[in-house]
């Protein structure tokens, strides 16, 4: 892998991880057509996700600190964040169980452009329907255990490349009557343990990375982190303005294009 490839893929990951258009789908399609690209397993993809994980930590640093301190504090705010922490733990369970059980199957799909393209079409439908039929406006204090289980299950299914993790989890919460900003925030926070777990599972692949490649990998991660911060800020503004339909149109256009090319 060249430095140019790493920087380009890092930029692609940073821009698409939090926008509801499937970063894994874009990476799979791009790598499929990228001449000479090689990586140990899906290690580089996972490391790019780690870069965007740090973007979440930086952007939501206040919320994360409140979550971490909430078990040791009193007061209404601490109570709300203790409950939110519990909900995030509950939501992580189905993601971990399904992700571990079907890990090899999911990773095998990264090389199937037809499946990736079809899943982008599915993502577009989810975004369109969630924007069309979104209802209510429940906030953090009104999230339920069933919300957490549903979103955790959806997040596990979003390991399939082409299914947007952020798009599908936010859509699931919008369907359940959660307001857009709360849905996006919960979706991003729920991603942290999933990304960390995926990184741990692929630690063994680090042995296949040469010393000369390490700066290249770090460069890609750095670009993903920076542009991830930009895309989080942008998506939060889009959520407030209820404009997910444009992402649905984009997913349909890309999905149809590469589905046709894959035939």
C-alpha atoms as a PDB file:
ATOM      1  CA  UNK A   1       0.000   0.000   0.000  1.00  0.00           C
ATOM      2  CA  UNK A   2       1.319   3.419  -0.943  1.00  0.00           C
ATOM      3  CA  UNK A   3       1.136   6.640   1.070  1.00  0.00           C
ATOM      4  CA  UNK A   4      -1.245   8.075  -1.529  1.00  0.00           C
ATOM      5  CA  UNK A   5      -3.575   5.099  -1.138  1.00  0.00           C
ATOM      6  CA  UNK A   6      -3.488   5.383   2.656  1.00  0.00           C
ATOM      7  CA  UNK A   7      -4.247   9.114   2.606  1.00  0.00           C
ATOM      8  CA  UNK A   8      -7.040   8.699   0.074  1.00  0.00           C
ATOM      9  CA  UNK A   9      -8.660   5.839   1.998  1.00  0.00           C
ATOM     10  CA  UNK A  10      -8.231   7.731   5.269  1.00  0.00           C
ATOM     11  CA  UNK A  11     -10.012  10.737   3.777  1.00  0.00           C
ATOM     12  CA  UNK A  12     -12.749   8.485   2.429  1.00  0.00           C
ATOM     13  CA  UNK A  13     -13.207   6.835   5.815  1.00  0.00           C
ATOM     14  CA  UNK A  14     -13.257  10.138   7.676  1.00  0.00           C
ATOM     15  CA  UNK A  15     -15.846  11.658   5.357  1.00  0.00           C
ATOM     16  CA  UNK A  16     -18.139   8.619   5.161  1.00  0.00           C
ATOM     17  CA  UNK A  17     -17.942   6.996   8.613  1.00  0.00           C
ATOM     18  CA  UNK A  18     -20.438   9.347  10.239  1.00  0.00           C
ATOM     19  CA  UNK A  19     -22.387  10.400   7.201  1.00  0.00           C
ATOM     20  CA  UNK A  20     -25.100   7.745   6.678  1.00  0.00           C
ATOM     21  CA  UNK A  21     -23.654   6.382   3.428  1.00  0.00           C
ATOM     22  CA  UNK A  22     -21.573   3.399   4.667  1.00  0.00           C
ATOM     23  CA  UNK A  23     -17.844   3.932   5.042  1.00  0.00           C
ATOM     24  CA  UNK A  24     -17.232   0.169   4.827  1.00  0.00           C
ATOM     25  CA  UNK A  25     -19.127   0.034   1.534  1.00  0.00           C
ATOM     26  CA  UNK A  26     -17.109   2.906   0.090  1.00  0.00           C
ATOM     27  CA  UNK A  27     -13.840   1.358   1.269  1.00  0.00           C
ATOM     28  CA  UNK A  28     -14.753  -2.038  -0.189  1.00  0.00           C
ATOM     29  CA  UNK A  29     -15.691  -0.572  -3.569  1.00  0.00           C
ATOM     30  CA  UNK A  30     -12.643   1.710  -3.733  1.00  0.00           C
ATOM     31  CA  UNK A  31     -10.190  -1.009  -2.699  1.00  0.00           C
ATOM     32  CA  UNK A  32     -11.708  -3.380  -5.255  1.00  0.00           C
ATOM     33  CA  UNK A  33     -10.788  -0.981  -8.067  1.00  0.00           C
ATOM     34  CA  UNK A  34      -7.524   0.292  -6.505  1.00  0.00           C
ATOM     35  CA  UNK A  35      -4.554  -1.210  -8.362  1.00  0.00           C
ATOM     36  CA  UNK A  36      -1.993  -2.942  -6.157  1.00  0.00           C
ATOM     37  CA  UNK A  37      -3.809  -2.395  -2.860  1.00  0.00           C
ATOM     38  CA  UNK A  38      -3.004  -5.010  -0.189  1.00  0.00           C
ATOM     39  CA  UNK A  39      -3.637  -5.244   3.551  1.00  0.00           C
ATOM     40  CA  UNK A  40      -3.446  -8.040   6.154  1.00  0.00           C
ATOM     41  CA  UNK A  41      -7.071  -9.196   6.397  1.00  0.00           C
ATOM     42  CA  UNK A  42      -9.090  -6.037   6.978  1.00  0.00           C
ATOM     43  CA  UNK A  43      -6.534  -4.564   9.390  1.00  0.00           C
ATOM     44  CA  UNK A  44      -6.143  -1.210   7.646  1.00  0.00           C
ATOM     45  CA  UNK A  45      -9.921  -0.769   7.486  1.00  0.00           C
ATOM     46  CA  UNK A  46     -10.142  -1.445  11.220  1.00  0.00           C
ATOM     47  CA  UNK A  47      -7.343   1.017  11.970  1.00  0.00           C
ATOM     48  CA  UNK A  48      -9.122   3.687   9.940  1.00  0.00           C
ATOM     49  CA  UNK A  49     -12.193   3.056  12.090  1.00  0.00           C
ATOM     50  CA  UNK A  50      -9.977   3.509  15.154  1.00  0.00           C
ATOM     51  CA  UNK A  51      -9.000   6.908  13.768  1.00  0.00           C
ATOM     52  CA  UNK A  52     -12.639   7.916  13.508  1.00  0.00           C
ATOM     53  CA  UNK A  53     -13.243   6.428  16.969  1.00  0.00           C
ATOM     54  CA  UNK A  54     -10.872   9.069  18.340  1.00  0.00           C
ATOM     55  CA  UNK A  55     -12.897  11.676  16.455  1.00  0.00           C
ATOM     56  CA  UNK A  56     -15.972  10.562  18.427  1.00  0.00           C
ATOM     57  CA  UNK A  57     -14.007  10.716  21.687  1.00  0.00           C
ATOM     58  CA  UNK A  58     -12.851  14.265  20.943  1.00  0.00           C
ATOM     59  CA  UNK A  59     -16.230  15.547  19.731  1.00  0.00           C
ATOM     60  CA  UNK A  60     -18.232  13.982  22.566  1.00  0.00           C
ATOM     61  CA  UNK A  61     -15.548  14.321  25.241  1.00  0.00           C
ATOM     62  CA  UNK A  62     -17.924  16.047  27.685  1.00  0.00           C
ATOM     63  CA  UNK A  63     -20.563  13.320  27.362  1.00  0.00           C
ATOM     64  CA  UNK A  64     -17.934  10.589  27.681  1.00  0.00           C
ATOM     65  CA  UNK A  65     -16.503  12.125  30.863  1.00  0.00           C
ATOM     66  CA  UNK A  66     -19.992  12.396  32.336  1.00  0.00           C
ATOM     67  CA  UNK A  67     -20.614   8.745  31.490  1.00  0.00           C
ATOM     68  CA  UNK A  68     -17.371   7.655  33.134  1.00  0.00           C
ATOM     69  CA  UNK A  69     -17.899   9.716  36.309  1.00  0.00           C
ATOM     70  CA  UNK A  70     -21.650   9.098  36.641  1.00  0.00           C
ATOM     71  CA  UNK A  71     -21.352   5.909  38.787  1.00  0.00           C
ATOM     72  CA  UNK A  72     -19.461   7.903  41.405  1.00  0.00           C
ATOM     73  CA  UNK A  73     -21.618  11.041  41.512  1.00  0.00           C
ATOM     74  CA  UNK A  74     -25.059  12.060  42.746  1.00  0.00           C
ATOM     75  CA  UNK A  75     -27.644  14.364  41.229  1.00  0.00           C
ATOM     76  CA  UNK A  76     -30.113  14.312  38.354  1.00  0.00           C
ATOM     77  CA  UNK A  77     -27.522  14.684  35.595  1.00  0.00           C
ATOM     78  CA  UNK A  78     -25.445  11.828  37.025  1.00  0.00           C
ATOM     79  CA  UNK A  79     -28.567   9.651  37.246  1.00  0.00           C
ATOM     80  CA  UNK A  80     -29.390  10.277  33.573  1.00  0.00           C
ATOM     81  CA  UNK A  81     -25.846   9.436  32.491  1.00  0.00           C
ATOM     82  CA  UNK A  82     -25.707   6.308  34.687  1.00  0.00           C
ATOM     83  CA  UNK A  83     -28.802   5.078  32.902  1.00  0.00           C
ATOM     84  CA  UNK A  84     -27.338   6.052  29.521  1.00  0.00           C
ATOM     85  CA  UNK A  85     -24.178   4.107  30.384  1.00  0.00           C
ATOM     86  CA  UNK A  86     -26.290   1.052  31.198  1.00  0.00           C
ATOM     87  CA  UNK A  87     -28.175   1.410  27.907  1.00  0.00           C
ATOM     88  CA  UNK A  88     -24.891   1.579  25.980  1.00  0.00           C
ATOM     89  CA  UNK A  89     -23.720  -1.592  27.725  1.00  0.00           C
ATOM     90  CA  UNK A  90     -26.988  -3.338  26.847  1.00  0.00           C
ATOM     91  CA  UNK A  91     -26.748  -2.199  23.225  1.00  0.00           C
ATOM     92  CA  UNK A  92     -23.191  -3.535  22.985  1.00  0.00           C
ATOM     93  CA  UNK A  93     -24.246  -7.107  23.847  1.00  0.00           C
ATOM     94  CA  UNK A  94     -26.086  -8.010  20.600  1.00  0.00           C
ATOM     95  CA  UNK A  95     -23.381  -6.269  18.566  1.00  0.00           C
ATOM     96  CA  UNK A  96     -20.684  -8.378  20.217  1.00  0.00           C
ATOM     97  CA  UNK A  97     -22.607 -11.662  20.027  1.00  0.00           C
ATOM     98  CA  UNK A  98     -23.648 -11.322  16.373  1.00  0.00           C
ATOM     99  CA  UNK A  99     -20.341  -9.786  15.306  1.00  0.00           C
ATOM    100  CA  UNK A 100     -18.293 -12.623  16.824  1.00  0.00           C
ATOM    101  CA  UNK A 101     -20.621 -15.360  15.602  1.00  0.00           C
ATOM    102  CA  UNK A 102     -20.625 -14.172  11.989  1.00  0.00           C
ATOM    103  CA  UNK A 103     -17.220 -12.473  11.822  1.00  0.00           C
ATOM    104  CA  UNK A 104     -15.804 -14.549   8.953  1.00  0.00           C
ATOM    105  CA  UNK A 105     -19.034 -14.322   6.964  1.00  0.00           C
ATOM    106  CA  UNK A 106     -19.194 -10.526   7.288  1.00  0.00           C
ATOM    107  CA  UNK A 107     -15.532 -10.059   6.366  1.00  0.00           C
ATOM    108  CA  UNK A 108     -15.981 -12.262   3.297  1.00  0.00           C
ATOM    109  CA  UNK A 109     -18.628  -9.884   1.968  1.00  0.00           C
ATOM    110  CA  UNK A 110     -16.084  -7.066   1.664  1.00  0.00           C
ATOM    111  CA  UNK A 111     -14.920  -8.623  -1.596  1.00  0.00           C
ATOM    112  CA  UNK A 112     -18.405  -8.999  -3.081  1.00  0.00           C
ATOM    113  CA  UNK A 113     -19.183  -5.736  -4.869  1.00  0.00           C
ATOM    114  CA  UNK A 114     -22.646  -6.933  -5.891  1.00  0.00           C
ATOM    115  CA  UNK A 115     -23.639  -7.433  -2.236  1.00  0.00           C
ATOM    116  CA  UNK A 116     -22.069  -4.113  -1.218  1.00  0.00           C
ATOM    117  CA  UNK A 117     -24.028  -2.297  -3.930  1.00  0.00           C
ATOM    118  CA  UNK A 118     -27.315  -3.942  -2.928  1.00  0.00           C
ATOM    119  CA  UNK A 119     -26.728  -3.056   0.719  1.00  0.00           C
ATOM    120  CA  UNK A 120     -26.193   0.586  -0.260  1.00  0.00           C
ATOM    121  CA  UNK A 121     -29.658   0.457  -1.822  1.00  0.00           C
ATOM    122  CA  UNK A 122     -30.987  -0.931   1.472  1.00  0.00           C
ATOM    123  CA  UNK A 123     -29.294   1.909   3.369  1.00  0.00           C
ATOM    124  CA  UNK A 124     -30.942   4.433   1.060  1.00  0.00           C
ATOM    125  CA  UNK A 125     -34.363   2.893   1.745  1.00  0.00           C
ATOM    126  CA  UNK A 126     -33.806   2.988   5.515  1.00  0.00           C
ATOM    127  CA  UNK A 127     -32.847   6.667   5.378  1.00  0.00           C
ATOM    128  CA  UNK A 128     -35.772   7.586   3.153  1.00  0.00           C
ATOM    129  CA  UNK A 129     -38.332   5.763   5.296  1.00  0.00           C
ATOM    130  CA  UNK A 130     -36.940   7.041   8.595  1.00  0.00           C
ATOM    131  CA  UNK A 131     -37.107  10.636   7.383  1.00  0.00           C
ATOM    132  CA  UNK A 132     -40.551  10.112   5.876  1.00  0.00           C
ATOM    133  CA  UNK A 133     -42.073   8.448   8.930  1.00  0.00           C
ATOM    134  CA  UNK A 134     -40.024   9.831  11.828  1.00  0.00           C
ATOM    135  CA  UNK A 135     -42.224  10.665  14.783  1.00  0.00           C
ATOM    136  CA  UNK A 136     -42.026  11.986  18.304  1.00  0.00           C
ATOM    137  CA  UNK A 137     -39.054  13.517  20.019  1.00  0.00           C
ATOM    138  CA  UNK A 138     -37.845  11.386  22.937  1.00  0.00           C
ATOM    139  CA  UNK A 139     -34.569  12.533  24.489  1.00  0.00           C
ATOM    140  CA  UNK A 140     -31.785  10.814  26.453  1.00  0.00           C
ATOM    141  CA  UNK A 141     -33.896  10.477  29.587  1.00  0.00           C
ATOM    142  CA  UNK A 142     -36.622   8.624  27.666  1.00  0.00           C
ATOM    143  CA  UNK A 143     -34.478   5.999  25.945  1.00  0.00           C
ATOM    144  CA  UNK A 144     -35.523   2.454  26.871  1.00  0.00           C
ATOM    145  CA  UNK A 145     -33.863  -0.928  27.227  1.00  0.00           C
ATOM    146  CA  UNK A 146     -35.668  -2.110  24.108  1.00  0.00           C
ATOM    147  CA  UNK A 147     -34.264   0.904  22.212  1.00  0.00           C
ATOM    148  CA  UNK A 148     -30.761  -0.206  23.199  1.00  0.00           C
ATOM    149  CA  UNK A 149     -31.328  -3.836  22.187  1.00  0.00           C
ATOM    150  CA  UNK A 150     -32.840  -2.895  18.831  1.00  0.00           C
ATOM    151  CA  UNK A 151     -30.050  -0.470  17.987  1.00  0.00           C
ATOM    152  CA  UNK A 152     -27.366  -2.904  19.141  1.00  0.00           C
ATOM    153  CA  UNK A 153     -28.817  -5.574  16.856  1.00  0.00           C
ATOM    154  CA  UNK A 154     -29.015  -3.145  13.945  1.00  0.00           C
ATOM    155  CA  UNK A 155     -25.413  -2.083  14.559  1.00  0.00           C
ATOM    156  CA  UNK A 156     -24.326  -5.728  14.369  1.00  0.00           C
ATOM    157  CA  UNK A 157     -26.079  -6.142  11.009  1.00  0.00           C
ATOM    158  CA  UNK A 158     -24.330  -2.979   9.811  1.00  0.00           C
ATOM    159  CA  UNK A 159     -21.027  -4.869   9.847  1.00  0.00           C
ATOM    160  CA  UNK A 160     -22.192  -5.962   6.385  1.00  0.00           C
ATOM    161  CA  UNK A 161     -20.419  -3.566   3.991  1.00  0.00           C
ATOM    162  CA  UNK A 162     -22.877  -1.224   2.335  1.00  0.00           C
ATOM    163  CA  UNK A 163     -25.155  -1.021   5.367  1.00  0.00           C
ATOM    164  CA  UNK A 164     -24.323   2.306   6.989  1.00  0.00           C
ATOM    165  CA  UNK A 165     -23.716   1.841  10.709  1.00  0.00           C
ATOM    166  CA  UNK A 166     -24.602   5.423  11.567  1.00  0.00           C
ATOM    167  CA  UNK A 167     -27.452   5.552   9.048  1.00  0.00           C
ATOM    168  CA  UNK A 168     -29.102   2.298  10.127  1.00  0.00           C
ATOM    169  CA  UNK A 169     -28.787   2.908  13.880  1.00  0.00           C
ATOM    170  CA  UNK A 170     -30.014   6.501  13.639  1.00  0.00           C
ATOM    171  CA  UNK A 171     -32.880   5.361  11.391  1.00  0.00           C
ATOM    172  CA  UNK A 172     -33.850   2.656  13.904  1.00  0.00           C
ATOM    173  CA  UNK A 173     -34.089   5.214  16.700  1.00  0.00           C
ATOM    174  CA  UNK A 174     -36.007   7.681  14.529  1.00  0.00           C
ATOM    175  CA  UNK A 175     -38.521   4.913  13.750  1.00  0.00           C
ATOM    176  CA  UNK A 176     -38.905   4.402  17.504  1.00  0.00           C
ATOM    177  CA  UNK A 177     -39.710   8.049  18.157  1.00  0.00           C
ATOM    178  CA  UNK A 178     -36.328   9.308  19.379  1.00  0.00           C
ATOM    179  CA  UNK A 179     -35.351  12.833  18.353  1.00  0.00           C
ATOM    180  CA  UNK A 180     -32.615  13.207  15.750  1.00  0.00           C
ATOM    181  CA  UNK A 181     -29.829  14.661  17.892  1.00  0.00           C
ATOM    182  CA  UNK A 182     -30.338  12.073  20.638  1.00  0.00           C
ATOM    183  CA  UNK A 183     -30.381   9.299  18.031  1.00  0.00           C
ATOM    184  CA  UNK A 184     -27.129  10.498  16.455  1.00  0.00           C
ATOM    185  CA  UNK A 185     -25.375  10.952  19.802  1.00  0.00           C
ATOM    186  CA  UNK A 186     -26.401   7.494  21.049  1.00  0.00           C
ATOM    187  CA  UNK A 187     -25.361   5.964  17.720  1.00  0.00           C
ATOM    188  CA  UNK A 188     -21.887   7.504  17.872  1.00  0.00           C
ATOM    189  CA  UNK A 189     -21.306   6.567  21.520  1.00  0.00           C
ATOM    190  CA  UNK A 190     -22.491   3.010  20.884  1.00  0.00           C
ATOM    191  CA  UNK A 191     -19.900   2.706  18.113  1.00  0.00           C
ATOM    192  CA  UNK A 192     -16.972   3.152  20.527  1.00  0.00           C
ATOM    193  CA  UNK A 193     -16.979  -0.313  22.173  1.00  0.00           C
ATOM    194  CA  UNK A 194     -17.739  -1.966  18.810  1.00  0.00           C
ATOM    195  CA  UNK A 195     -14.768  -0.314  17.081  1.00  0.00           C
ATOM    196  CA  UNK A 196     -12.491  -1.000  20.058  1.00  0.00           C
ATOM    197  CA  UNK A 197     -13.537  -4.656  20.062  1.00  0.00           C
ATOM    198  CA  UNK A 198     -12.901  -4.995  16.317  1.00  0.00           C
ATOM    199  CA  UNK A 199      -9.441  -3.480  16.779  1.00  0.00           C
ATOM    200  CA  UNK A 200      -8.601  -5.982  19.537  1.00  0.00           C
ATOM    201  CA  UNK A 201      -9.743  -8.903  17.367  1.00  0.00           C
ATOM    202  CA  UNK A 202      -7.349  -7.863  14.590  1.00  0.00           C
ATOM    203  CA  UNK A 203      -4.287  -7.201  16.753  1.00  0.00           C
ATOM    204  CA  UNK A 204      -2.777 -10.425  15.458  1.00  0.00           C
ATOM    205  CA  UNK A 205      -2.644  -8.965  11.942  1.00  0.00           C
ATOM    206  CA  UNK A 206      -0.230  -6.266  13.117  1.00  0.00           C
ATOM    207  CA  UNK A 207       2.600  -8.774  12.819  1.00  0.00           C
ATOM    208  CA  UNK A 208       2.184  -8.702   9.048  1.00  0.00           C
ATOM    209  CA  UNK A 209       2.793  -4.929   8.919  1.00  0.00           C
ATOM    210  CA  UNK A 210       6.390  -3.965   8.154  1.00  0.00           C
ATOM    211  CA  UNK A 211       8.187  -1.127   9.926  1.00  0.00           C
ATOM    212  CA  UNK A 212       8.179   0.853   6.687  1.00  0.00           C
ATOM    213  CA  UNK A 213       4.380   0.604   6.489  1.00  0.00           C
ATOM    214  CA  UNK A 214       3.699   1.895  10.009  1.00  0.00           C
ATOM    215  CA  UNK A 215       4.023   5.628   9.098  1.00  0.00           C
ATOM    216  CA  UNK A 216       1.722   5.003   6.116  1.00  0.00           C
ATOM    217  CA  UNK A 217      -0.916   3.395   8.352  1.00  0.00           C
ATOM    218  CA  UNK A 218      -0.622   6.238  10.885  1.00  0.00           C
ATOM    219  CA  UNK A 219      -0.987   8.842   8.132  1.00  0.00           C
ATOM    220  CA  UNK A 220      -4.249   7.241   6.984  1.00  0.00           C
ATOM    221  CA  UNK A 221      -5.552   7.107  10.559  1.00  0.00           C
ATOM    222  CA  UNK A 222      -4.692  10.777  11.129  1.00  0.00           C
ATOM    223  CA  UNK A 223      -6.589  11.915   8.038  1.00  0.00           C
ATOM    224  CA  UNK A 224      -9.561   9.767   9.082  1.00  0.00           C
ATOM    225  CA  UNK A 225      -9.558  11.377  12.542  1.00  0.00           C
ATOM    226  CA  UNK A 226      -9.465  14.954  11.248  1.00  0.00           C
ATOM    227  CA  UNK A 227     -12.116  14.528   8.575  1.00  0.00           C
ATOM    228  CA  UNK A 228     -14.184  12.424  10.970  1.00  0.00           C
ATOM    229  CA  UNK A 229     -14.505  15.464  13.228  1.00  0.00           C
ATOM    230  CA  UNK A 230     -15.665  17.524  10.262  1.00  0.00           C
ATOM    231  CA  UNK A 231     -18.259  14.954   9.200  1.00  0.00           C
ATOM    232  CA  UNK A 232     -19.682  14.566  12.737  1.00  0.00           C
ATOM    233  CA  UNK A 233     -20.215  18.318  12.932  1.00  0.00           C
ATOM    234  CA  UNK A 234     -21.830  18.320   9.498  1.00  0.00           C
ATOM    235  CA  UNK A 235     -24.156  15.389  10.219  1.00  0.00           C
ATOM    236  CA  UNK A 236     -25.391  16.888  13.486  1.00  0.00           C
ATOM    237  CA  UNK A 237     -26.400  19.999  11.530  1.00  0.00           C
ATOM    238  CA  UNK A 238     -28.122  17.859   8.870  1.00  0.00           C
ATOM    239  CA  UNK A 239     -30.017  15.890  11.534  1.00  0.00           C
ATOM    240  CA  UNK A 240     -31.343  19.104  13.047  1.00  0.00           C
ATOM    241  CA  UNK A 241     -32.566  20.246   9.635  1.00  0.00           C
ATOM    242  CA  UNK A 242     -34.156  16.861   8.765  1.00  0.00           C
ATOM    243  CA  UNK A 243     -32.314  16.412   5.473  1.00  0.00           C
ATOM    244  CA  UNK A 244     -31.463  12.687   5.462  1.00  0.00           C
ATOM    245  CA  UNK A 245     -33.329  12.266   2.165  1.00  0.00           C
ATOM    246  CA  UNK A 246     -30.297  13.615   0.265  1.00  0.00           C
ATOM    247  CA  UNK A 247     -28.133  10.821   1.663  1.00  0.00           C
ATOM    248  CA  UNK A 248     -30.782   8.302   0.596  1.00  0.00           C
ATOM    249  CA  UNK A 249     -30.593   9.606  -2.965  1.00  0.00           C
ATOM    250  CA  UNK A 250     -26.797   9.390  -2.880  1.00  0.00           C
ATOM    251  CA  UNK A 251     -26.849   5.775  -1.634  1.00  0.00           C
ATOM    252  CA  UNK A 252     -29.316   4.794  -4.353  1.00  0.00           C
ATOM    253  CA  UNK A 253     -27.195   6.435  -7.057  1.00  0.00           C
ATOM    254  CA  UNK A 254     -23.930   4.807  -5.923  1.00  0.00           C
ATOM    255  CA  UNK A 255     -25.581   1.448  -5.258  1.00  0.00           C
ATOM    256  CA  UNK A 256     -27.240   1.290  -8.656  1.00  0.00           C
ATOM    257  CA  UNK A 257     -24.063   2.397 -10.457  1.00  0.00           C
ATOM    258  CA  UNK A 258     -21.785  -0.224  -8.939  1.00  0.00           C
ATOM    259  CA  UNK A 259     -24.451  -2.932  -9.041  1.00  0.00           C
ATOM    260  CA  UNK A 260     -24.637  -2.389 -12.794  1.00  0.00           C
ATOM    261  CA  UNK A 261     -20.834  -2.461 -13.076  1.00  0.00           C
ATOM    262  CA  UNK A 262     -20.613  -5.673 -11.043  1.00  0.00           C
ATOM    263  CA  UNK A 263     -22.908  -7.628 -13.378  1.00  0.00           C
END
